[in-house]
Amino acid sequence: TLVHESAHTFGQIHRGSQRADANACDAAY
């Protein structure tokens, strides 16, 4: 979780849905 959320503090965001399975291949996940 800390690694994932750190990506958001750097400037990465999820696009559209916030569901984990819809974003499994984005950088934070």
mmCIF file of all heavy atoms, coordinates in Angstrom:
data_MODEL
# 
_entry.id   MODEL 
# 
loop_
_atom_site.group_PDB 
_atom_site.id 
_atom_site.type_symbol 
_atom_site.label_atom_id 
_atom_site.label_alt_id 
_atom_site.label_comp_id 
_atom_site.label_asym_id 
_atom_site.label_entity_id 
_atom_site.label_seq_id 
_atom_site.pdbx_PDB_ins_code 
_atom_site.Cartn_x 
_atom_site.Cartn_y 
_atom_site.Cartn_z 
_atom_site.occupancy 
_atom_site.B_iso_or_equiv 
_atom_site.pdbx_formal_charge 
_atom_site.auth_seq_id 
_atom_site.auth_comp_id 
_atom_site.auth_asym_id 
_atom_site.auth_atom_id 
_atom_site.pdbx_PDB_model_num 
ATOM 1   N N   . THR A 1 1  ? 0.824   -1.213 0.000   1.00 0.00 ? 1  THR A N   1 
ATOM 2   C CA  . THR A 1 1  ? 0.000   0.000  0.000   1.00 0.00 ? 1  THR A CA  1 
ATOM 3   C C   . THR A 1 1  ? 0.856   1.262  0.000   1.00 0.00 ? 1  THR A C   1 
ATOM 4   O O   . THR A 1 1  ? 0.568   2.226  -0.721  1.00 0.00 ? 1  THR A O   1 
ATOM 5   C CB  . THR A 1 1  ? -0.938  0.006  1.226   1.00 0.00 ? 1  THR A CB  1 
ATOM 6   O OG1 . THR A 1 1  ? -1.809  -1.133 1.138   1.00 0.00 ? 1  THR A OG1 1 
ATOM 7   C CG2 . THR A 1 1  ? -1.773  1.274  1.269   1.00 0.00 ? 1  THR A CG2 1 
ATOM 8   N N   . LEU A 1 2  ? 1.922   1.285  0.789   1.00 0.00 ? 2  LEU A N   1 
ATOM 9   C CA  . LEU A 1 2  ? 2.779   2.472  0.850   1.00 0.00 ? 2  LEU A CA  1 
ATOM 10  C C   . LEU A 1 2  ? 3.477   2.723  -0.485  1.00 0.00 ? 2  LEU A C   1 
ATOM 11  O O   . LEU A 1 2  ? 3.613   3.869  -0.926  1.00 0.00 ? 2  LEU A O   1 
ATOM 12  C CB  . LEU A 1 2  ? 3.812   2.328  1.977   1.00 0.00 ? 2  LEU A CB  1 
ATOM 13  C CG  . LEU A 1 2  ? 3.251   2.317  3.402   1.00 0.00 ? 2  LEU A CG  1 
ATOM 14  C CD1 . LEU A 1 2  ? 4.387   2.138  4.410   1.00 0.00 ? 2  LEU A CD1 1 
ATOM 15  C CD2 . LEU A 1 2  ? 2.472   3.597  3.704   1.00 0.00 ? 2  LEU A CD2 1 
ATOM 16  N N   . VAL A 1 3  ? 3.931   1.657  -1.149  1.00 0.00 ? 3  VAL A N   1 
ATOM 17  C CA  . VAL A 1 3  ? 4.538   1.804  -2.471  1.00 0.00 ? 3  VAL A CA  1 
ATOM 18  C C   . VAL A 1 3  ? 3.502   2.333  -3.462  1.00 0.00 ? 3  VAL A C   1 
ATOM 19  O O   . VAL A 1 3  ? 3.781   3.242  -4.258  1.00 0.00 ? 3  VAL A O   1 
ATOM 20  C CB  . VAL A 1 3  ? 5.142   0.465  -2.950  1.00 0.00 ? 3  VAL A CB  1 
ATOM 21  C CG1 . VAL A 1 3  ? 5.540   0.529  -4.426  1.00 0.00 ? 3  VAL A CG1 1 
ATOM 22  C CG2 . VAL A 1 3  ? 6.359   0.093  -2.099  1.00 0.00 ? 3  VAL A CG2 1 
ATOM 23  N N   . HIS A 1 4  ? 2.310   1.756  -3.417  1.00 0.00 ? 4  HIS A N   1 
ATOM 24  C CA  . HIS A 1 4  ? 1.212   2.192  -4.299  1.00 0.00 ? 4  HIS A CA  1 
ATOM 25  C C   . HIS A 1 4  ? 0.888   3.667  -4.080  1.00 0.00 ? 4  HIS A C   1 
ATOM 26  O O   . HIS A 1 4  ? 0.860   4.460  -5.031  1.00 0.00 ? 4  HIS A O   1 
ATOM 27  C CB  . HIS A 1 4  ? -0.015  1.327  -4.006  1.00 0.00 ? 4  HIS A CB  1 
ATOM 28  C CG  . HIS A 1 4  ? -1.248  1.710  -4.754  1.00 0.00 ? 4  HIS A CG  1 
ATOM 29  N ND1 . HIS A 1 4  ? -1.868  0.864  -5.643  1.00 0.00 ? 4  HIS A ND1 1 
ATOM 30  C CD2 . HIS A 1 4  ? -1.999  2.849  -4.748  1.00 0.00 ? 4  HIS A CD2 1 
ATOM 31  C CE1 . HIS A 1 4  ? -2.938  1.461  -6.151  1.00 0.00 ? 4  HIS A CE1 1 
ATOM 32  N NE2 . HIS A 1 4  ? -3.033  2.677  -5.622  1.00 0.00 ? 4  HIS A NE2 1 
ATOM 33  N N   . GLU A 1 5  ? 0.656   4.039  -2.836  1.00 0.00 ? 5  GLU A N   1 
ATOM 34  C CA  . GLU A 1 5  ? 0.253   5.420  -2.544  1.00 0.00 ? 5  GLU A CA  1 
ATOM 35  C C   . GLU A 1 5  ? 1.390   6.412  -2.813  1.00 0.00 ? 5  GLU A C   1 
ATOM 36  O O   . GLU A 1 5  ? 1.130   7.572  -3.166  1.00 0.00 ? 5  GLU A O   1 
ATOM 37  C CB  . GLU A 1 5  ? -0.242  5.543  -1.106  1.00 0.00 ? 5  GLU A CB  1 
ATOM 38  C CG  . GLU A 1 5  ? -1.457  4.690  -0.772  1.00 0.00 ? 5  GLU A CG  1 
ATOM 39  C CD  . GLU A 1 5  ? -2.679  5.013  -1.621  1.00 0.00 ? 5  GLU A CD  1 
ATOM 40  O OE1 . GLU A 1 5  ? -2.819  6.179  -2.061  1.00 0.00 ? 5  GLU A OE1 1 
ATOM 41  O OE2 . GLU A 1 5  ? -3.496  4.104  -1.845  1.00 0.00 ? 5  GLU A OE2 1 
ATOM 42  N N   . SER A 1 6  ? 2.624   5.973  -2.662  1.00 0.00 ? 6  SER A N   1 
ATOM 43  C CA  . SER A 1 6  ? 3.756   6.853  -2.986  1.00 0.00 ? 6  SER A CA  1 
ATOM 44  C C   . SER A 1 6  ? 3.715   7.272  -4.447  1.00 0.00 ? 6  SER A C   1 
ATOM 45  O O   . SER A 1 6  ? 4.032   8.417  -4.783  1.00 0.00 ? 6  SER A O   1 
ATOM 46  C CB  . SER A 1 6  ? 5.079   6.142  -2.676  1.00 0.00 ? 6  SER A CB  1 
ATOM 47  O OG  . SER A 1 6  ? 5.272   5.999  -1.285  1.00 0.00 ? 6  SER A OG  1 
ATOM 48  N N   . ALA A 1 7  ? 3.304   6.345  -5.320  1.00 0.00 ? 7  ALA A N   1 
ATOM 49  C CA  . ALA A 1 7  ? 3.191   6.692  -6.740  1.00 0.00 ? 7  ALA A CA  1 
ATOM 50  C C   . ALA A 1 7  ? 2.210   7.844  -6.935  1.00 0.00 ? 7  ALA A C   1 
ATOM 51  O O   . ALA A 1 7  ? 2.426   8.716  -7.782  1.00 0.00 ? 7  ALA A O   1 
ATOM 52  C CB  . ALA A 1 7  ? 2.754   5.473  -7.552  1.00 0.00 ? 7  ALA A CB  1 
ATOM 53  N N   . HIS A 1 8  ? 1.143   7.877  -6.145  1.00 0.00 ? 8  HIS A N   1 
ATOM 54  C CA  . HIS A 1 8  ? 0.186   8.983  -6.247  1.00 0.00 ? 8  HIS A CA  1 
ATOM 55  C C   . HIS A 1 8  ? 0.804   10.296 -5.780  1.00 0.00 ? 8  HIS A C   1 
ATOM 56  O O   . HIS A 1 8  ? 0.537   11.355 -6.350  1.00 0.00 ? 8  HIS A O   1 
ATOM 57  C CB  . HIS A 1 8  ? -1.064  8.674  -5.430  1.00 0.00 ? 8  HIS A CB  1 
ATOM 58  C CG  . HIS A 1 8  ? -1.860  7.510  -5.935  1.00 0.00 ? 8  HIS A CG  1 
ATOM 59  N ND1 . HIS A 1 8  ? -1.965  7.207  -7.288  1.00 0.00 ? 8  HIS A ND1 1 
ATOM 60  C CD2 . HIS A 1 8  ? -2.582  6.558  -5.282  1.00 0.00 ? 8  HIS A CD2 1 
ATOM 61  C CE1 . HIS A 1 8  ? -2.725  6.141  -7.436  1.00 0.00 ? 8  HIS A CE1 1 
ATOM 62  N NE2 . HIS A 1 8  ? -3.096  5.718  -6.237  1.00 0.00 ? 8  HIS A NE2 1 
ATOM 63  N N   . THR A 1 9  ? 1.635   10.241 -4.732  1.00 0.00 ? 9  THR A N   1 
ATOM 64  C CA  . THR A 1 9  ? 2.286   11.478 -4.285  1.00 0.00 ? 9  THR A CA  1 
ATOM 65  C C   . THR A 1 9  ? 3.273   11.988 -5.325  1.00 0.00 ? 9  THR A C   1 
ATOM 66  O O   . THR A 1 9  ? 3.552   13.181 -5.386  1.00 0.00 ? 9  THR A O   1 
ATOM 67  C CB  . THR A 1 9  ? 3.010   11.297 -2.931  1.00 0.00 ? 9  THR A CB  1 
ATOM 68  O OG1 . THR A 1 9  ? 4.149   10.454 -3.091  1.00 0.00 ? 9  THR A OG1 1 
ATOM 69  C CG2 . THR A 1 9  ? 2.074   10.716 -1.880  1.00 0.00 ? 9  THR A CG2 1 
ATOM 70  N N   . PHE A 1 10 ? 3.802   11.091 -6.171  1.00 0.00 ? 10 PHE A N   1 
ATOM 71  C CA  . PHE A 1 10 ? 4.714   11.509 -7.239  1.00 0.00 ? 10 PHE A CA  1 
ATOM 72  C C   . PHE A 1 10 ? 3.960   12.156 -8.401  1.00 0.00 ? 10 PHE A C   1 
ATOM 73  O O   . PHE A 1 10 ? 4.543   12.914 -9.174  1.00 0.00 ? 10 PHE A O   1 
ATOM 74  C CB  . PHE A 1 10 ? 5.498   10.315 -7.792  1.00 0.00 ? 10 PHE A CB  1 
ATOM 75  C CG  . PHE A 1 10 ? 6.304   9.553  -6.783  1.00 0.00 ? 10 PHE A CG  1 
ATOM 76  C CD1 . PHE A 1 10 ? 6.609   8.215  -6.993  1.00 0.00 ? 10 PHE A CD1 1 
ATOM 77  C CD2 . PHE A 1 10 ? 6.765   10.157 -5.621  1.00 0.00 ? 10 PHE A CD2 1 
ATOM 78  C CE1 . PHE A 1 10 ? 7.360   7.496  -6.078  1.00 0.00 ? 10 PHE A CE1 1 
ATOM 79  C CE2 . PHE A 1 10 ? 7.512   9.443  -4.686  1.00 0.00 ? 10 PHE A CE2 1 
ATOM 80  C CZ  . PHE A 1 10 ? 7.800   8.103  -4.920  1.00 0.00 ? 10 PHE A CZ  1 
ATOM 81  N N   . GLY A 1 11 ? 2.671   11.808 -8.564  1.00 0.00 ? 11 GLY A N   1 
ATOM 82  C CA  . GLY A 1 11 ? 1.882   12.384 -9.647  1.00 0.00 ? 11 GLY A CA  1 
ATOM 83  C C   . GLY A 1 11 ? 1.137   11.388 -10.496 1.00 0.00 ? 11 GLY A C   1 
ATOM 84  O O   . GLY A 1 11 ? 0.496   11.753 -11.484 1.00 0.00 ? 11 GLY A O   1 
ATOM 85  N N   . GLN A 1 12 ? 1.170   10.095 -10.142 1.00 0.00 ? 12 GLN A N   1 
ATOM 86  C CA  . GLN A 1 12 ? 0.417   9.090  -10.882 1.00 0.00 ? 12 GLN A CA  1 
ATOM 87  C C   . GLN A 1 12 ? -1.016  9.065  -10.356 1.00 0.00 ? 12 GLN A C   1 
ATOM 88  O O   . GLN A 1 12 ? -1.251  9.236  -9.162  1.00 0.00 ? 12 GLN A O   1 
ATOM 89  C CB  . GLN A 1 12 ? 1.065   7.702  -10.704 1.00 0.00 ? 12 GLN A CB  1 
ATOM 90  C CG  . GLN A 1 12 ? 0.498   6.618  -11.617 1.00 0.00 ? 12 GLN A CG  1 
ATOM 91  C CD  . GLN A 1 12 ? -0.718  5.904  -11.040 1.00 0.00 ? 12 GLN A CD  1 
ATOM 92  O OE1 . GLN A 1 12 ? -1.092  6.087  -9.882  1.00 0.00 ? 12 GLN A OE1 1 
ATOM 93  N NE2 . GLN A 1 12 ? -1.353  5.084  -11.863 1.00 0.00 ? 12 GLN A NE2 1 
ATOM 94  N N   . ILE A 1 13 ? -1.984  8.876  -11.241 1.00 0.00 ? 13 ILE A N   1 
ATOM 95  C CA  . ILE A 1 13 ? -3.392  8.783  -10.850 1.00 0.00 ? 13 ILE A CA  1 
ATOM 96  C C   . ILE A 1 13 ? -4.037  7.594  -11.556 1.00 0.00 ? 13 ILE A C   1 
ATOM 97  O O   . ILE A 1 13 ? -3.500  7.064  -12.541 1.00 0.00 ? 13 ILE A O   1 
ATOM 98  C CB  . ILE A 1 13 ? -4.181  10.067 -11.207 1.00 0.00 ? 13 ILE A CB  1 
ATOM 99  C CG1 . ILE A 1 13 ? -4.151  10.311 -12.730 1.00 0.00 ? 13 ILE A CG1 1 
ATOM 100 C CG2 . ILE A 1 13 ? -3.637  11.272 -10.451 1.00 0.00 ? 13 ILE A CG2 1 
ATOM 101 C CD1 . ILE A 1 13 ? -5.039  11.476 -13.182 1.00 0.00 ? 13 ILE A CD1 1 
ATOM 102 N N   . HIS A 1 14 ? -5.184  7.169  -11.049 1.00 0.00 ? 14 HIS A N   1 
ATOM 103 C CA  . HIS A 1 14 ? -5.982  6.161  -11.744 1.00 0.00 ? 14 HIS A CA  1 
ATOM 104 C C   . HIS A 1 14 ? -6.915  6.879  -12.705 1.00 0.00 ? 14 HIS A C   1 
ATOM 105 O O   . HIS A 1 14 ? -7.404  7.976  -12.415 1.00 0.00 ? 14 HIS A O   1 
ATOM 106 C CB  . HIS A 1 14 ? -6.800  5.339  -10.756 1.00 0.00 ? 14 HIS A CB  1 
ATOM 107 C CG  . HIS A 1 14 ? -5.972  4.617  -9.745  1.00 0.00 ? 14 HIS A CG  1 
ATOM 108 N ND1 . HIS A 1 14 ? -4.891  3.819  -10.094 1.00 0.00 ? 14 HIS A ND1 1 
ATOM 109 C CD2 . HIS A 1 14 ? -6.056  4.574  -8.385  1.00 0.00 ? 14 HIS A CD2 1 
ATOM 110 C CE1 . HIS A 1 14 ? -4.356  3.321  -8.995  1.00 0.00 ? 14 HIS A CE1 1 
ATOM 111 N NE2 . HIS A 1 14 ? -5.028  3.766  -7.951  1.00 0.00 ? 14 HIS A NE2 1 
ATOM 112 N N   . ARG A 1 15 ? -7.159  6.259  -13.841 1.00 0.00 ? 15 ARG A N   1 
ATOM 113 C CA  . ARG A 1 15 ? -8.055  6.876  -14.827 1.00 0.00 ? 15 ARG A CA  1 
ATOM 114 C C   . ARG A 1 15 ? -9.437  6.260  -14.730 1.00 0.00 ? 15 ARG A C   1 
ATOM 115 O O   . ARG A 1 15 ? -9.586  5.039  -14.786 1.00 0.00 ? 15 ARG A O   1 
ATOM 116 C CB  . ARG A 1 15 ? -7.494  6.668  -16.245 1.00 0.00 ? 15 ARG A CB  1 
ATOM 117 C CG  . ARG A 1 15 ? -8.272  7.428  -17.312 1.00 0.00 ? 15 ARG A CG  1 
ATOM 118 C CD  . ARG A 1 15 ? -7.667  7.239  -18.684 1.00 0.00 ? 15 ARG A CD  1 
ATOM 119 N NE  . ARG A 1 15 ? -7.941  5.915  -19.219 1.00 0.00 ? 15 ARG A NE  1 
ATOM 120 C CZ  . ARG A 1 15 ? -7.618  5.526  -20.445 1.00 0.00 ? 15 ARG A CZ  1 
ATOM 121 N NH1 . ARG A 1 15 ? -6.971  6.355  -21.246 1.00 0.00 ? 15 ARG A NH1 1 
ATOM 122 N NH2 . ARG A 1 15 ? -7.902  4.309  -20.863 1.00 0.00 ? 15 ARG A NH2 1 
ATOM 123 N N   . GLY A 1 16 ? -10.440 7.118  -14.579 1.00 0.00 ? 16 GLY A N   1 
ATOM 124 C CA  . GLY A 1 16 ? -11.811 6.614  -14.559 1.00 0.00 ? 16 GLY A CA  1 
ATOM 125 C C   . GLY A 1 16 ? -12.099 5.849  -13.282 1.00 0.00 ? 16 GLY A C   1 
ATOM 126 O O   . GLY A 1 16 ? -12.035 6.385  -12.183 1.00 0.00 ? 16 GLY A O   1 
ATOM 127 N N   . SER A 1 17 ? -12.370 4.565  -13.418 1.00 0.00 ? 17 SER A N   1 
ATOM 128 C CA  . SER A 1 17 ? -12.741 3.728  -12.279 1.00 0.00 ? 17 SER A CA  1 
ATOM 129 C C   . SER A 1 17 ? -11.621 3.659  -11.251 1.00 0.00 ? 17 SER A C   1 
ATOM 130 O O   . SER A 1 17 ? -10.437 3.606  -11.598 1.00 0.00 ? 17 SER A O   1 
ATOM 131 C CB  . SER A 1 17 ? -13.063 2.314  -12.764 1.00 0.00 ? 17 SER A CB  1 
ATOM 132 O OG  . SER A 1 17 ? -13.258 1.447  -11.667 1.00 0.00 ? 17 SER A OG  1 
ATOM 133 N N   . GLN A 1 18 ? -12.003 3.653  -9.981  1.00 0.00 ? 18 GLN A N   1 
ATOM 134 C CA  . GLN A 1 18 ? -11.036 3.481  -8.890  1.00 0.00 ? 18 GLN A CA  1 
ATOM 135 C C   . GLN A 1 18 ? -10.927 2.019  -8.461  1.00 0.00 ? 18 GLN A C   1 
ATOM 136 O O   . GLN A 1 18 ? -10.162 1.701  -7.552  1.00 0.00 ? 18 GLN A O   1 
ATOM 137 C CB  . GLN A 1 18 ? -11.458 4.330  -7.686  1.00 0.00 ? 18 GLN A CB  1 
ATOM 138 C CG  . GLN A 1 18 ? -11.456 5.822  -7.954  1.00 0.00 ? 18 GLN A CG  1 
ATOM 139 C CD  . GLN A 1 18 ? -10.055 6.349  -8.260  1.00 0.00 ? 18 GLN A CD  1 
ATOM 140 O OE1 . GLN A 1 18 ? -9.127  6.179  -7.488  1.00 0.00 ? 18 GLN A OE1 1 
ATOM 141 N NE2 . GLN A 1 18 ? -9.918  6.987  -9.417  1.00 0.00 ? 18 GLN A NE2 1 
ATOM 142 N N   . ARG A 1 19 ? -11.661 1.140  -9.122  1.00 0.00 ? 19 ARG A N   1 
ATOM 143 C CA  . ARG A 1 19 ? -11.627 -0.274 -8.758  1.00 0.00 ? 19 ARG A CA  1 
ATOM 144 C C   . ARG A 1 19 ? -10.261 -0.879 -9.032  1.00 0.00 ? 19 ARG A C   1 
ATOM 145 O O   . ARG A 1 19 ? -9.650  -0.638 -10.080 1.00 0.00 ? 19 ARG A O   1 
ATOM 146 C CB  . ARG A 1 19 ? -12.685 -1.050 -9.533  1.00 0.00 ? 19 ARG A CB  1 
ATOM 147 C CG  . ARG A 1 19 ? -14.109 -0.803 -9.061  1.00 0.00 ? 19 ARG A CG  1 
ATOM 148 C CD  . ARG A 1 19 ? -15.125 -1.503 -9.953  1.00 0.00 ? 19 ARG A CD  1 
ATOM 149 N NE  . ARG A 1 19 ? -14.710 -2.842 -10.318 1.00 0.00 ? 19 ARG A NE  1 
ATOM 150 C CZ  . ARG A 1 19 ? -14.873 -3.360 -11.540 1.00 0.00 ? 19 ARG A CZ  1 
ATOM 151 N NH1 . ARG A 1 19 ? -15.414 -2.642 -12.510 1.00 0.00 ? 19 ARG A NH1 1 
ATOM 152 N NH2 . ARG A 1 19 ? -14.486 -4.593 -11.781 1.00 0.00 ? 19 ARG A NH2 1 
ATOM 153 N N   . ALA A 1 20 ? -9.783  -1.672 -8.087  1.00 0.00 ? 20 ALA A N   1 
ATOM 154 C CA  . ALA A 1 20 ? -8.448  -2.250 -8.202  1.00 0.00 ? 20 ALA A CA  1 
ATOM 155 C C   . ALA A 1 20 ? -8.299  -3.117 -9.446  1.00 0.00 ? 20 ALA A C   1 
ATOM 156 O O   . ALA A 1 20 ? -7.308  -3.019 -10.172 1.00 0.00 ? 20 ALA A O   1 
ATOM 157 C CB  . ALA A 1 20 ? -8.139  -3.066 -6.945  1.00 0.00 ? 20 ALA A CB  1 
ATOM 158 N N   . ASP A 1 21 ? -9.298  -3.960 -9.723  1.00 0.00 ? 21 ASP A N   1 
ATOM 159 C CA  . ASP A 1 21 ? -9.153  -4.870 -10.860 1.00 0.00 ? 21 ASP A CA  1 
ATOM 160 C C   . ASP A 1 21 ? -9.159  -4.142 -12.197 1.00 0.00 ? 21 ASP A C   1 
ATOM 161 O O   . ASP A 1 21 ? -8.654  -4.660 -13.199 1.00 0.00 ? 21 ASP A O   1 
ATOM 162 C CB  . ASP A 1 21 ? -10.226 -5.957 -10.833 1.00 0.00 ? 21 ASP A CB  1 
ATOM 163 C CG  . ASP A 1 21 ? -11.645 -5.403 -10.805 1.00 0.00 ? 21 ASP A CG  1 
ATOM 164 O OD1 . ASP A 1 21 ? -11.812 -4.165 -10.703 1.00 0.00 ? 21 ASP A OD1 1 
ATOM 165 O OD2 . ASP A 1 21 ? -12.596 -6.201 -10.901 1.00 0.00 ? 21 ASP A OD2 1 
ATOM 166 N N   . ALA A 1 22 ? -9.712  -2.941 -12.224 1.00 0.00 ? 22 ALA A N   1 
ATOM 167 C CA  . ALA A 1 22 ? -9.729  -2.157 -13.462 1.00 0.00 ? 22 ALA A CA  1 
ATOM 168 C C   . ALA A 1 22 ? -8.415  -1.417 -13.686 1.00 0.00 ? 22 ALA A C   1 
ATOM 169 O O   . ALA A 1 22 ? -8.177  -0.891 -14.775 1.00 0.00 ? 22 ALA A O   1 
ATOM 170 C CB  . ALA A 1 22 ? -10.882 -1.156 -13.436 1.00 0.00 ? 22 ALA A CB  1 
ATOM 171 N N   . ASN A 1 23 ? -7.573  -1.383 -12.674 1.00 0.00 ? 23 ASN A N   1 
ATOM 172 C CA  . ASN A 1 23 ? -6.321  -0.623 -12.755 1.00 0.00 ? 23 ASN A CA  1 
ATOM 173 C C   . ASN A 1 23 ? -5.085  -1.469 -12.480 1.00 0.00 ? 23 ASN A C   1 
ATOM 174 O O   . ASN A 1 23 ? -4.010  -0.932 -12.211 1.00 0.00 ? 23 ASN A O   1 
ATOM 175 C CB  . ASN A 1 23 ? -6.365  0.536  -11.753 1.00 0.00 ? 23 ASN A CB  1 
ATOM 176 C CG  . ASN A 1 23 ? -7.367  1.600  -12.135 1.00 0.00 ? 23 ASN A CG  1 
ATOM 177 O OD1 . ASN A 1 23 ? -7.188  2.332  -13.097 1.00 0.00 ? 23 ASN A OD1 1 
ATOM 178 N ND2 . ASN A 1 23 ? -8.457  1.691  -11.370 1.00 0.00 ? 23 ASN A ND2 1 
ATOM 179 N N   . ALA A 1 24 ? -5.222  -2.780 -12.553 1.00 0.00 ? 24 ALA A N   1 
ATOM 180 C CA  . ALA A 1 24 ? -4.137  -3.672 -12.139 1.00 0.00 ? 24 ALA A CA  1 
ATOM 181 C C   . ALA A 1 24 ? -2.837  -3.438 -12.894 1.00 0.00 ? 24 ALA A C   1 
ATOM 182 O O   . ALA A 1 24 ? -1.751  -3.720 -12.368 1.00 0.00 ? 24 ALA A O   1 
ATOM 183 C CB  . ALA A 1 24 ? -4.570  -5.126 -12.294 1.00 0.00 ? 24 ALA A CB  1 
ATOM 184 N N   . CYS A 1 25 ? -2.927  -2.933 -14.114 1.00 0.00 ? 25 CYS A N   1 
ATOM 185 C CA  . CYS A 1 25 ? -1.713  -2.736 -14.919 1.00 0.00 ? 25 CYS A CA  1 
ATOM 186 C C   . CYS A 1 25 ? -1.249  -1.284 -14.957 1.00 0.00 ? 25 CYS A C   1 
ATOM 187 O O   . CYS A 1 25 ? -0.389  -0.933 -15.761 1.00 0.00 ? 25 CYS A O   1 
ATOM 188 C CB  . CYS A 1 25 ? -1.908  -3.256 -16.340 1.00 0.00 ? 25 CYS A CB  1 
ATOM 189 S SG  . CYS A 1 25 ? -2.053  -5.061 -16.433 1.00 0.00 ? 25 CYS A SG  1 
ATOM 190 N N   . ASP A 1 26 ? -1.826  -0.428 -14.102 1.00 0.00 ? 26 ASP A N   1 
ATOM 191 C CA  . ASP A 1 26 ? -1.270  0.924  -14.061 1.00 0.00 ? 26 ASP A CA  1 
ATOM 192 C C   . ASP A 1 26 ? -0.118  0.951  -13.058 1.00 0.00 ? 26 ASP A C   1 
ATOM 193 O O   . ASP A 1 26 ? 0.128   0.000  -12.315 1.00 0.00 ? 26 ASP A O   1 
ATOM 194 C CB  . ASP A 1 26 ? -2.342  1.994  -13.821 1.00 0.00 ? 26 ASP A CB  1 
ATOM 195 C CG  . ASP A 1 26 ? -2.819  2.157  -12.387 1.00 0.00 ? 26 ASP A CG  1 
ATOM 196 O OD1 . ASP A 1 26 ? -2.209  1.581  -11.463 1.00 0.00 ? 26 ASP A OD1 1 
ATOM 197 O OD2 . ASP A 1 26 ? -3.805  2.888  -12.184 1.00 0.00 ? 26 ASP A OD2 1 
ATOM 198 N N   . ALA A 1 27 ? 0.645   2.028  -13.078 1.00 0.00 ? 27 ALA A N   1 
ATOM 199 C CA  . ALA A 1 27 ? 1.935   2.049  -12.392 1.00 0.00 ? 27 ALA A CA  1 
ATOM 200 C C   . ALA A 1 27 ? 1.834   1.814  -10.891 1.00 0.00 ? 27 ALA A C   1 
ATOM 201 O O   . ALA A 1 27 ? 2.653   1.090  -10.305 1.00 0.00 ? 27 ALA A O   1 
ATOM 202 C CB  . ALA A 1 27 ? 2.636   3.375  -12.671 1.00 0.00 ? 27 ALA A CB  1 
ATOM 203 N N   . ALA A 1 28 ? 0.850   2.421  -10.240 1.00 0.00 ? 28 ALA A N   1 
ATOM 204 C CA  . ALA A 1 28 ? 0.743   2.287  -8.788  1.00 0.00 ? 28 ALA A CA  1 
ATOM 205 C C   . ALA A 1 28 ? 0.472   0.840  -8.384  1.00 0.00 ? 28 ALA A C   1 
ATOM 206 O O   . ALA A 1 28 ? 1.111   0.308  -7.460  1.00 0.00 ? 28 ALA A O   1 
ATOM 207 C CB  . ALA A 1 28 ? -0.347  3.208  -8.250  1.00 0.00 ? 28 ALA A CB  1 
ATOM 208 N N   . TYR A 1 29 ? -0.461  0.178  -9.076  1.00 0.00 ? 29 TYR A N   1 
ATOM 209 C CA  . TYR A 1 29 ? -0.776  -1.203 -8.739  1.00 0.00 ? 29 TYR A CA  1 
ATOM 210 C C   . TYR A 1 29 ? 0.368   -2.145 -9.108  1.00 0.00 ? 29 TYR A C   1 
ATOM 211 O O   . TYR A 1 29 ? 0.675   -3.088 -8.374  1.00 0.00 ? 29 TYR A O   1 
ATOM 212 C CB  . TYR A 1 29 ? -2.073  -1.649 -9.410  1.00 0.00 ? 29 TYR A CB  1 
ATOM 213 C CG  . TYR A 1 29 ? -3.294  -1.258 -8.618  1.00 0.00 ? 29 TYR A CG  1 
ATOM 214 C CD1 . TYR A 1 29 ? -4.083  -0.179 -8.999  1.00 0.00 ? 29 TYR A CD1 1 
ATOM 215 C CD2 . TYR A 1 29 ? -3.650  -1.947 -7.464  1.00 0.00 ? 29 TYR A CD2 1 
ATOM 216 C CE1 . TYR A 1 29 ? -5.194  0.202  -8.258  1.00 0.00 ? 29 TYR A CE1 1 
ATOM 217 C CE2 . TYR A 1 29 ? -4.760  -1.579 -6.719  1.00 0.00 ? 29 TYR A CE2 1 
ATOM 218 C CZ  . TYR A 1 29 ? -5.527  -0.506 -7.122  1.00 0.00 ? 29 TYR A CZ  1 
ATOM 219 O OH  . TYR A 1 29 ? -6.621  -0.125 -6.365  1.00 0.00 ? 29 TYR A OH  1 
# 
